[in-house]
N, C-alpha and C. Protein backbone atom coordinates (compact mmCIF):
# COMPACT_ATOMS: atom_id res chain seq x y z
N MET A 1 -40.84 67.13 -46.83
CA MET A 1 -39.73 66.19 -46.89
C MET A 1 -39.51 65.57 -45.50
N LYS A 2 -39.30 64.29 -45.48
CA LYS A 2 -39.09 63.56 -44.23
C LYS A 2 -37.75 63.94 -43.60
N ARG A 3 -37.79 64.17 -42.30
CA ARG A 3 -36.54 64.45 -41.57
C ARG A 3 -35.68 63.20 -41.55
N LYS A 4 -34.39 63.37 -41.76
CA LYS A 4 -33.45 62.25 -41.68
C LYS A 4 -33.26 61.85 -40.23
N ARG A 5 -33.25 60.55 -39.99
CA ARG A 5 -33.00 60.01 -38.65
C ARG A 5 -31.56 59.52 -38.62
N ILE A 6 -30.74 60.17 -37.80
CA ILE A 6 -29.32 59.88 -37.73
C ILE A 6 -28.98 59.32 -36.35
N LEU A 7 -28.33 58.17 -36.33
CA LEU A 7 -27.83 57.59 -35.09
C LEU A 7 -26.39 58.05 -34.90
N VAL A 8 -26.12 58.71 -33.78
CA VAL A 8 -24.76 59.10 -33.41
C VAL A 8 -24.37 58.21 -32.24
N ALA A 9 -23.31 57.41 -32.44
CA ALA A 9 -22.93 56.41 -31.44
C ALA A 9 -21.42 56.46 -31.18
N PRO A 10 -20.99 57.35 -30.28
CA PRO A 10 -19.56 57.44 -29.98
C PRO A 10 -19.06 56.26 -29.15
N LEU A 11 -17.80 55.93 -29.34
CA LEU A 11 -17.17 54.91 -28.51
C LEU A 11 -17.20 55.31 -27.04
N ASP A 12 -17.14 54.33 -26.18
CA ASP A 12 -17.14 54.61 -24.74
C ASP A 12 -15.73 54.50 -24.15
N TRP A 13 -14.71 54.73 -24.95
CA TRP A 13 -13.32 54.65 -24.47
C TRP A 13 -12.94 55.99 -23.85
N GLY A 14 -13.54 56.33 -22.76
CA GLY A 14 -13.32 57.64 -22.14
C GLY A 14 -14.37 58.61 -22.64
N LEU A 15 -14.16 59.89 -22.37
CA LEU A 15 -15.16 60.89 -22.71
C LEU A 15 -14.86 61.66 -23.99
N GLY A 16 -13.67 61.50 -24.52
CA GLY A 16 -13.26 62.27 -25.69
C GLY A 16 -14.15 62.07 -26.91
N HIS A 17 -14.51 60.83 -27.20
CA HIS A 17 -15.35 60.57 -28.37
C HIS A 17 -16.71 61.24 -28.21
N ALA A 18 -17.29 61.13 -27.02
CA ALA A 18 -18.61 61.70 -26.77
C ALA A 18 -18.58 63.23 -26.83
N THR A 19 -17.58 63.83 -26.19
CA THR A 19 -17.54 65.30 -26.18
C THR A 19 -17.27 65.86 -27.57
N ARG A 20 -16.51 65.15 -28.39
CA ARG A 20 -16.28 65.63 -29.76
C ARG A 20 -17.51 65.45 -30.64
N CYS A 21 -18.45 64.62 -30.22
CA CYS A 21 -19.70 64.47 -30.97
C CYS A 21 -20.70 65.59 -30.69
N ILE A 22 -20.52 66.31 -29.60
CA ILE A 22 -21.49 67.35 -29.22
C ILE A 22 -21.68 68.38 -30.34
N PRO A 23 -20.61 68.98 -30.90
CA PRO A 23 -20.85 69.95 -31.98
C PRO A 23 -21.44 69.30 -33.23
N ILE A 24 -21.13 68.05 -33.47
CA ILE A 24 -21.70 67.34 -34.63
C ILE A 24 -23.20 67.17 -34.43
N ILE A 25 -23.60 66.75 -33.23
CA ILE A 25 -25.02 66.58 -32.93
C ILE A 25 -25.75 67.92 -33.04
N ARG A 26 -25.15 68.97 -32.51
CA ARG A 26 -25.78 70.30 -32.60
C ARG A 26 -26.00 70.70 -34.05
N GLU A 27 -25.01 70.47 -34.89
CA GLU A 27 -25.13 70.84 -36.31
C GLU A 27 -26.19 70.00 -37.01
N LEU A 28 -26.24 68.72 -36.70
CA LEU A 28 -27.28 67.87 -37.30
C LEU A 28 -28.68 68.36 -36.92
N ILE A 29 -28.86 68.71 -35.65
CA ILE A 29 -30.15 69.23 -35.19
C ILE A 29 -30.46 70.55 -35.90
N LYS A 30 -29.46 71.41 -36.00
CA LYS A 30 -29.62 72.71 -36.67
C LYS A 30 -30.07 72.52 -38.12
N GLN A 31 -29.56 71.47 -38.76
CA GLN A 31 -29.92 71.20 -40.15
C GLN A 31 -31.23 70.42 -40.29
N GLY A 32 -31.89 70.17 -39.17
CA GLY A 32 -33.21 69.55 -39.21
C GLY A 32 -33.25 68.05 -39.07
N ALA A 33 -32.12 67.44 -38.76
CA ALA A 33 -32.10 65.98 -38.58
C ALA A 33 -32.70 65.60 -37.23
N GLU A 34 -33.25 64.41 -37.19
CA GLU A 34 -33.71 63.83 -35.93
C GLU A 34 -32.57 62.93 -35.45
N VAL A 35 -31.94 63.31 -34.35
CA VAL A 35 -30.74 62.62 -33.89
C VAL A 35 -31.09 61.66 -32.76
N ILE A 36 -30.70 60.41 -32.94
CA ILE A 36 -30.81 59.39 -31.90
C ILE A 36 -29.38 59.14 -31.41
N ILE A 37 -29.19 59.14 -30.11
CA ILE A 37 -27.85 59.00 -29.54
C ILE A 37 -27.74 57.63 -28.88
N GLY A 38 -26.69 56.90 -29.24
CA GLY A 38 -26.47 55.58 -28.68
C GLY A 38 -25.09 55.48 -28.06
N SER A 39 -25.04 55.06 -26.83
CA SER A 39 -23.76 54.88 -26.13
C SER A 39 -24.06 54.15 -24.82
N SER A 40 -23.09 54.19 -23.91
CA SER A 40 -23.30 53.58 -22.60
C SER A 40 -22.42 54.29 -21.58
N GLY A 41 -22.70 54.02 -20.31
CA GLY A 41 -21.87 54.55 -19.23
C GLY A 41 -21.83 56.06 -19.17
N ARG A 42 -20.68 56.57 -18.76
CA ARG A 42 -20.49 58.01 -18.58
C ARG A 42 -20.69 58.80 -19.89
N PRO A 43 -20.22 58.32 -21.04
CA PRO A 43 -20.50 59.07 -22.28
C PRO A 43 -21.99 59.25 -22.53
N LEU A 44 -22.79 58.21 -22.30
CA LEU A 44 -24.23 58.33 -22.49
C LEU A 44 -24.81 59.33 -21.50
N GLN A 45 -24.35 59.30 -20.27
CA GLN A 45 -24.84 60.23 -19.24
C GLN A 45 -24.56 61.67 -19.65
N ILE A 46 -23.35 61.95 -20.13
CA ILE A 46 -22.99 63.32 -20.53
C ILE A 46 -23.86 63.77 -21.71
N LEU A 47 -24.07 62.89 -22.67
CA LEU A 47 -24.87 63.27 -23.84
C LEU A 47 -26.34 63.45 -23.46
N LYS A 48 -26.83 62.70 -22.49
CA LYS A 48 -28.20 62.90 -22.01
C LYS A 48 -28.34 64.26 -21.33
N GLU A 49 -27.31 64.66 -20.59
CA GLU A 49 -27.33 65.98 -19.94
C GLU A 49 -27.29 67.09 -20.98
N GLU A 50 -26.52 66.90 -22.02
CA GLU A 50 -26.34 67.91 -23.06
C GLU A 50 -27.56 68.01 -23.99
N PHE A 51 -28.21 66.89 -24.24
CA PHE A 51 -29.34 66.83 -25.18
C PHE A 51 -30.53 66.10 -24.55
N PRO A 52 -31.14 66.70 -23.52
CA PRO A 52 -32.19 65.99 -22.78
C PRO A 52 -33.44 65.68 -23.60
N ASN A 53 -33.64 66.38 -24.72
CA ASN A 53 -34.85 66.17 -25.51
C ASN A 53 -34.67 65.17 -26.65
N ASN A 54 -33.49 64.62 -26.78
CA ASN A 54 -33.24 63.66 -27.85
C ASN A 54 -33.65 62.26 -27.44
N GLU A 55 -33.75 61.40 -28.44
CA GLU A 55 -34.01 59.98 -28.20
C GLU A 55 -32.67 59.28 -27.96
N PHE A 56 -32.66 58.34 -27.02
CA PHE A 56 -31.43 57.64 -26.66
C PHE A 56 -31.65 56.13 -26.71
N CYS A 57 -30.57 55.42 -26.98
CA CYS A 57 -30.59 53.97 -26.87
C CYS A 57 -29.25 53.54 -26.27
N GLU A 58 -29.32 52.56 -25.41
CA GLU A 58 -28.08 52.07 -24.79
C GLU A 58 -27.45 51.02 -25.69
N ILE A 59 -26.19 51.25 -26.01
CA ILE A 59 -25.40 50.30 -26.78
C ILE A 59 -24.24 49.90 -25.89
N LEU A 60 -24.18 48.64 -25.53
CA LEU A 60 -23.11 48.20 -24.63
C LEU A 60 -21.75 48.55 -25.21
N GLY A 61 -20.89 49.04 -24.34
CA GLY A 61 -19.58 49.48 -24.79
C GLY A 61 -18.55 48.38 -24.80
N TYR A 62 -17.35 48.77 -25.14
CA TYR A 62 -16.23 47.83 -25.22
C TYR A 62 -15.60 47.58 -23.86
N ASN A 63 -15.81 48.50 -22.91
CA ASN A 63 -15.24 48.37 -21.57
C ASN A 63 -13.72 48.18 -21.64
N MET A 64 -13.09 49.04 -22.42
CA MET A 64 -11.64 48.96 -22.61
C MET A 64 -10.91 49.59 -21.43
N HIS A 65 -9.74 49.06 -21.16
CA HIS A 65 -8.89 49.59 -20.10
C HIS A 65 -7.50 49.81 -20.67
N TYR A 66 -6.98 50.98 -20.41
CA TYR A 66 -5.60 51.26 -20.80
C TYR A 66 -5.03 52.26 -19.82
N GLN A 67 -3.74 52.17 -19.63
CA GLN A 67 -3.11 53.02 -18.63
C GLN A 67 -2.55 54.28 -19.28
N ARG A 68 -2.63 55.33 -18.55
CA ARG A 68 -2.06 56.59 -19.04
C ARG A 68 -0.55 56.52 -18.94
N GLY A 69 0.09 56.98 -19.99
CA GLY A 69 1.54 57.02 -19.99
C GLY A 69 2.20 55.72 -20.41
N GLY A 70 1.45 54.64 -20.45
CA GLY A 70 2.01 53.37 -20.89
C GLY A 70 1.82 53.17 -22.38
N SER A 71 2.19 52.03 -22.85
CA SER A 71 2.05 51.70 -24.27
C SER A 71 0.60 51.31 -24.56
N PHE A 72 -0.02 52.06 -25.47
CA PHE A 72 -1.40 51.77 -25.86
C PHE A 72 -1.47 50.37 -26.48
N ALA A 73 -0.52 50.05 -27.34
CA ALA A 73 -0.52 48.75 -28.02
C ALA A 73 -0.42 47.60 -27.01
N LEU A 74 0.47 47.74 -26.02
CA LEU A 74 0.63 46.67 -25.03
C LEU A 74 -0.63 46.51 -24.18
N ALA A 75 -1.34 47.60 -23.96
CA ALA A 75 -2.57 47.52 -23.17
C ALA A 75 -3.70 46.88 -23.98
N ILE A 76 -3.70 47.07 -25.29
CA ILE A 76 -4.78 46.56 -26.14
C ILE A 76 -4.63 45.08 -26.47
N ILE A 77 -3.40 44.61 -26.65
CA ILE A 77 -3.16 43.23 -27.09
C ILE A 77 -3.92 42.19 -26.26
N PRO A 78 -3.88 42.23 -24.92
CA PRO A 78 -4.61 41.21 -24.17
C PRO A 78 -6.13 41.35 -24.27
N GLN A 79 -6.60 42.49 -24.77
CA GLN A 79 -8.03 42.72 -24.87
C GLN A 79 -8.60 42.42 -26.26
N ILE A 80 -7.76 41.91 -27.15
CA ILE A 80 -8.21 41.64 -28.52
C ILE A 80 -9.41 40.69 -28.56
N PRO A 81 -9.44 39.60 -27.80
CA PRO A 81 -10.64 38.74 -27.84
C PRO A 81 -11.92 39.51 -27.46
N LYS A 82 -11.81 40.37 -26.45
CA LYS A 82 -12.96 41.17 -26.04
C LYS A 82 -13.37 42.12 -27.17
N LEU A 83 -12.41 42.70 -27.86
CA LEU A 83 -12.69 43.59 -28.99
C LEU A 83 -13.44 42.86 -30.10
N ILE A 84 -13.01 41.66 -30.39
CA ILE A 84 -13.65 40.87 -31.45
C ILE A 84 -15.10 40.55 -31.08
N ARG A 85 -15.31 40.09 -29.85
CA ARG A 85 -16.68 39.79 -29.40
C ARG A 85 -17.54 41.04 -29.44
N ALA A 86 -17.01 42.14 -28.97
CA ALA A 86 -17.76 43.40 -28.95
C ALA A 86 -18.09 43.84 -30.37
N GLY A 87 -17.18 43.63 -31.29
CA GLY A 87 -17.43 44.00 -32.69
C GLY A 87 -18.59 43.22 -33.28
N PHE A 88 -18.66 41.93 -33.00
CA PHE A 88 -19.79 41.12 -33.48
C PHE A 88 -21.10 41.59 -32.86
N TYR A 89 -21.08 41.84 -31.55
CA TYR A 89 -22.28 42.34 -30.87
C TYR A 89 -22.71 43.67 -31.48
N GLU A 90 -21.75 44.57 -31.65
CA GLU A 90 -22.04 45.91 -32.16
C GLU A 90 -22.66 45.84 -33.56
N HIS A 91 -22.13 45.00 -34.41
CA HIS A 91 -22.66 44.86 -35.77
C HIS A 91 -24.11 44.37 -35.74
N LYS A 92 -24.37 43.37 -34.92
CA LYS A 92 -25.73 42.82 -34.79
C LYS A 92 -26.69 43.87 -34.22
N LYS A 93 -26.25 44.58 -33.19
CA LYS A 93 -27.07 45.61 -32.55
C LYS A 93 -27.36 46.74 -33.54
N LEU A 94 -26.35 47.14 -34.31
CA LEU A 94 -26.54 48.22 -35.27
C LEU A 94 -27.58 47.84 -36.33
N LYS A 95 -27.50 46.63 -36.85
CA LYS A 95 -28.49 46.19 -37.83
C LYS A 95 -29.90 46.24 -37.24
N GLN A 96 -30.02 45.82 -35.99
CA GLN A 96 -31.32 45.83 -35.32
C GLN A 96 -31.83 47.26 -35.15
N LEU A 97 -30.96 48.17 -34.70
CA LEU A 97 -31.36 49.56 -34.49
C LEU A 97 -31.76 50.23 -35.79
N VAL A 98 -30.99 50.01 -36.85
CA VAL A 98 -31.30 50.61 -38.15
C VAL A 98 -32.68 50.15 -38.60
N ARG A 99 -32.96 48.88 -38.44
CA ARG A 99 -34.26 48.33 -38.84
C ARG A 99 -35.39 48.85 -37.95
N ASP A 100 -35.22 48.71 -36.64
CA ASP A 100 -36.30 49.04 -35.70
C ASP A 100 -36.58 50.53 -35.60
N LEU A 101 -35.53 51.34 -35.64
CA LEU A 101 -35.69 52.79 -35.47
C LEU A 101 -35.74 53.53 -36.80
N LYS A 102 -35.66 52.80 -37.90
CA LYS A 102 -35.71 53.39 -39.24
C LYS A 102 -34.65 54.48 -39.42
N ILE A 103 -33.41 54.10 -39.13
CA ILE A 103 -32.27 55.01 -39.19
C ILE A 103 -31.87 55.23 -40.65
N ASP A 104 -31.61 56.50 -41.01
CA ASP A 104 -31.15 56.84 -42.36
C ASP A 104 -29.63 56.91 -42.46
N GLY A 105 -28.95 57.19 -41.35
CA GLY A 105 -27.50 57.31 -41.38
C GLY A 105 -26.92 57.09 -39.99
N VAL A 106 -25.65 56.68 -39.96
CA VAL A 106 -24.97 56.39 -38.70
C VAL A 106 -23.65 57.12 -38.66
N ILE A 107 -23.38 57.78 -37.53
CA ILE A 107 -22.07 58.37 -37.27
C ILE A 107 -21.54 57.68 -36.03
N SER A 108 -20.38 57.04 -36.18
CA SER A 108 -19.82 56.28 -35.08
C SER A 108 -18.36 56.65 -34.89
């Protein structure tokens, strides 16, 4: 039976998304999946350190900025145009990766 190829692509909004993916990636590997990890910046660096033998692809992040202790909504509102552009890029990139890397499933 062919091993499933799973793309795990956590958001780059800090390290929380990437670190919470670590046990998921471990379990996928344990179950025999071939895991491809996609991210950018510090999250990608941490996942490369944690899983040096996996395949990686760089997916440009959202480059979001928000202040600690302030209103999340107020910080996001001026960044909505950037979010929309990033969403279009991400959708196009995902379609390309699924096709080129023969991905069976995506966890994002």
